[in-house]
Amino acid sequence: MNEIRRLYDRIVLAPARTTRTWLVMHWHRWRTRHQTRARASHYSTRTARAHSP
């Protein structure tokens, strides 16, 4: 929820800051990708441990 509020505040409420808006979007995309990779890694590690002898 904090990410959504931060994006809303920086994009909708302050549209004149185009460079800053770009940085916010870049950070959001990076963070989302990082969380996805971390989640996949976590699941694969737990699956490997569950199926190992």
N, C-alpha and C. Protein backbone atom coordinates (compact mmCIF):
# COMPACT_ATOMS: atom_id res chain seq x y z
N MET A 1 0.82 -1.19 0.00
CA MET A 1 0.00 0.00 0.00
C MET A 1 0.87 1.26 0.00
N ASN A 2 1.98 1.21 0.70
CA ASN A 2 2.85 2.38 0.73
C ASN A 2 3.39 2.72 -0.65
N GLU A 3 3.71 1.70 -1.45
CA GLU A 3 4.22 1.96 -2.80
C GLU A 3 3.16 2.65 -3.65
N ILE A 4 1.92 2.21 -3.53
CA ILE A 4 0.84 2.81 -4.30
C ILE A 4 0.64 4.26 -3.89
N ARG A 5 0.64 4.51 -2.60
CA ARG A 5 0.48 5.89 -2.13
C ARG A 5 1.64 6.76 -2.58
N ARG A 6 2.86 6.24 -2.51
CA ARG A 6 4.03 7.00 -2.94
C ARG A 6 3.94 7.32 -4.43
N LEU A 7 3.55 6.33 -5.23
CA LEU A 7 3.40 6.57 -6.67
C LEU A 7 2.32 7.62 -6.94
N TYR A 8 1.20 7.51 -6.26
CA TYR A 8 0.12 8.47 -6.44
C TYR A 8 0.57 9.88 -6.07
N ASP A 9 1.22 10.01 -4.93
CA ASP A 9 1.68 11.32 -4.47
C ASP A 9 2.65 11.95 -5.46
N ARG A 10 3.56 11.15 -5.97
CA ARG A 10 4.61 11.70 -6.82
C ARG A 10 4.19 11.86 -8.27
N ILE A 11 3.23 11.08 -8.73
CA ILE A 11 2.83 11.17 -10.14
C ILE A 11 1.62 12.07 -10.32
N VAL A 12 0.59 11.87 -9.54
CA VAL A 12 -0.65 12.61 -9.72
C VAL A 12 -0.57 13.99 -9.08
N LEU A 13 -0.05 14.07 -7.87
CA LEU A 13 -0.05 15.34 -7.16
C LEU A 13 1.08 16.27 -7.58
N ALA A 14 2.12 15.74 -8.18
CA ALA A 14 3.25 16.58 -8.59
C ALA A 14 3.66 16.26 -10.03
N PRO A 15 2.80 16.52 -11.02
CA PRO A 15 3.11 16.14 -12.40
C PRO A 15 4.23 16.96 -13.05
N ALA A 16 4.58 18.10 -12.48
CA ALA A 16 5.61 18.93 -13.09
C ALA A 16 7.01 18.35 -12.90
N ARG A 17 7.16 17.45 -12.01
CA ARG A 17 8.48 16.86 -11.72
C ARG A 17 8.71 15.62 -12.58
N THR A 18 8.93 15.81 -13.86
CA THR A 18 9.01 14.69 -14.79
C THR A 18 10.21 13.80 -14.50
N THR A 19 11.35 14.38 -14.20
CA THR A 19 12.53 13.57 -13.91
C THR A 19 12.31 12.74 -12.66
N ARG A 20 11.75 13.37 -11.67
CA ARG A 20 11.49 12.64 -10.43
C ARG A 20 10.44 11.55 -10.65
N THR A 21 9.45 11.83 -11.46
CA THR A 21 8.43 10.84 -11.79
C THR A 21 9.07 9.63 -12.47
N TRP A 22 9.99 9.89 -13.39
CA TRP A 22 10.69 8.80 -14.06
C TRP A 22 11.46 7.96 -13.04
N LEU A 23 12.13 8.61 -12.10
CA LEU A 23 12.88 7.87 -11.10
C LEU A 23 11.97 7.04 -10.20
N VAL A 24 10.82 7.59 -9.86
CA VAL A 24 9.86 6.85 -9.04
C VAL A 24 9.37 5.62 -9.79
N MET A 25 9.04 5.77 -11.06
CA MET A 25 8.57 4.64 -11.85
C MET A 25 9.68 3.60 -12.03
N HIS A 26 10.89 4.07 -12.25
CA HIS A 26 12.03 3.16 -12.37
C HIS A 26 12.20 2.37 -11.08
N TRP A 27 12.15 3.04 -9.94
CA TRP A 27 12.28 2.37 -8.65
C TRP A 27 11.15 1.35 -8.46
N HIS A 28 9.95 1.73 -8.81
CA HIS A 28 8.80 0.84 -8.65
C HIS A 28 8.97 -0.43 -9.49
N ARG A 29 9.36 -0.25 -10.76
CA ARG A 29 9.57 -1.41 -11.63
C ARG A 29 10.68 -2.30 -11.10
N TRP A 30 11.80 -1.69 -10.65
CA TRP A 30 12.91 -2.47 -10.12
C TRP A 30 12.47 -3.24 -8.88
N ARG A 31 11.77 -2.58 -7.98
CA ARG A 31 11.33 -3.22 -6.74
C ARG A 31 10.36 -4.37 -7.02
N THR A 32 9.45 -4.16 -7.94
CA THR A 32 8.50 -5.21 -8.30
C THR A 32 9.21 -6.42 -8.89
N ARG A 33 10.16 -6.18 -9.81
CA ARG A 33 10.93 -7.28 -10.39
C ARG A 33 11.75 -8.00 -9.33
N HIS A 34 12.37 -7.24 -8.45
CA HIS A 34 13.18 -7.83 -7.39
C HIS A 34 12.32 -8.71 -6.48
N GLN A 35 11.16 -8.24 -6.10
CA GLN A 35 10.28 -9.03 -5.25
C GLN A 35 9.85 -10.31 -5.95
N THR A 36 9.57 -10.25 -7.24
CA THR A 36 9.18 -11.42 -8.00
C THR A 36 10.30 -12.44 -8.04
N ARG A 37 11.53 -11.97 -8.32
CA ARG A 37 12.67 -12.88 -8.34
C ARG A 37 12.93 -13.49 -6.97
N ALA A 38 12.83 -12.68 -5.92
CA ALA A 38 13.06 -13.18 -4.56
C ALA A 38 12.01 -14.23 -4.19
N ARG A 39 10.77 -13.98 -4.55
CA ARG A 39 9.69 -14.93 -4.25
C ARG A 39 9.93 -16.25 -4.98
N ALA A 40 10.31 -16.19 -6.26
CA ALA A 40 10.57 -17.40 -7.03
C ALA A 40 11.75 -18.17 -6.44
N SER A 41 12.78 -17.47 -6.06
CA SER A 41 13.94 -18.11 -5.45
C SER A 41 13.56 -18.78 -4.14
N HIS A 42 12.78 -18.10 -3.35
CA HIS A 42 12.34 -18.65 -2.07
C HIS A 42 11.54 -19.93 -2.28
N TYR A 43 10.60 -19.89 -3.23
CA TYR A 43 9.78 -21.08 -3.49
C TYR A 43 10.62 -22.24 -4.01
N SER A 44 11.55 -21.95 -4.92
CA SER A 44 12.36 -23.05 -5.46
C SER A 44 13.27 -23.64 -4.38
N THR A 45 13.79 -22.83 -3.50
CA THR A 45 14.62 -23.33 -2.40
C THR A 45 13.81 -24.22 -1.46
N ARG A 46 12.64 -23.78 -1.11
CA ARG A 46 11.79 -24.56 -0.22
C ARG A 46 11.34 -25.86 -0.89
N THR A 47 11.06 -25.82 -2.18
CA THR A 47 10.66 -27.03 -2.90
C THR A 47 11.82 -28.02 -2.95
N ALA A 48 13.03 -27.53 -3.21
CA ALA A 48 14.20 -28.40 -3.27
C ALA A 48 14.45 -29.06 -1.91
N ARG A 49 14.27 -28.32 -0.83
CA ARG A 49 14.48 -28.88 0.50
C ARG A 49 13.41 -29.92 0.83
N ALA A 50 12.20 -29.69 0.42
CA ALA A 50 11.11 -30.61 0.72
C ALA A 50 11.26 -31.93 -0.02
N HIS A 51 11.86 -31.90 -1.22
CA HIS A 51 11.98 -33.10 -2.04
C HIS A 51 13.34 -33.75 -1.96
N SER A 52 14.25 -33.23 -1.14
CA SER A 52 15.57 -33.85 -1.04
C SER A 52 15.53 -34.97 -0.01
N PRO A 53 16.33 -36.01 -0.21
CA PRO A 53 16.30 -37.16 0.70
C PRO A 53 16.89 -36.88 2.06
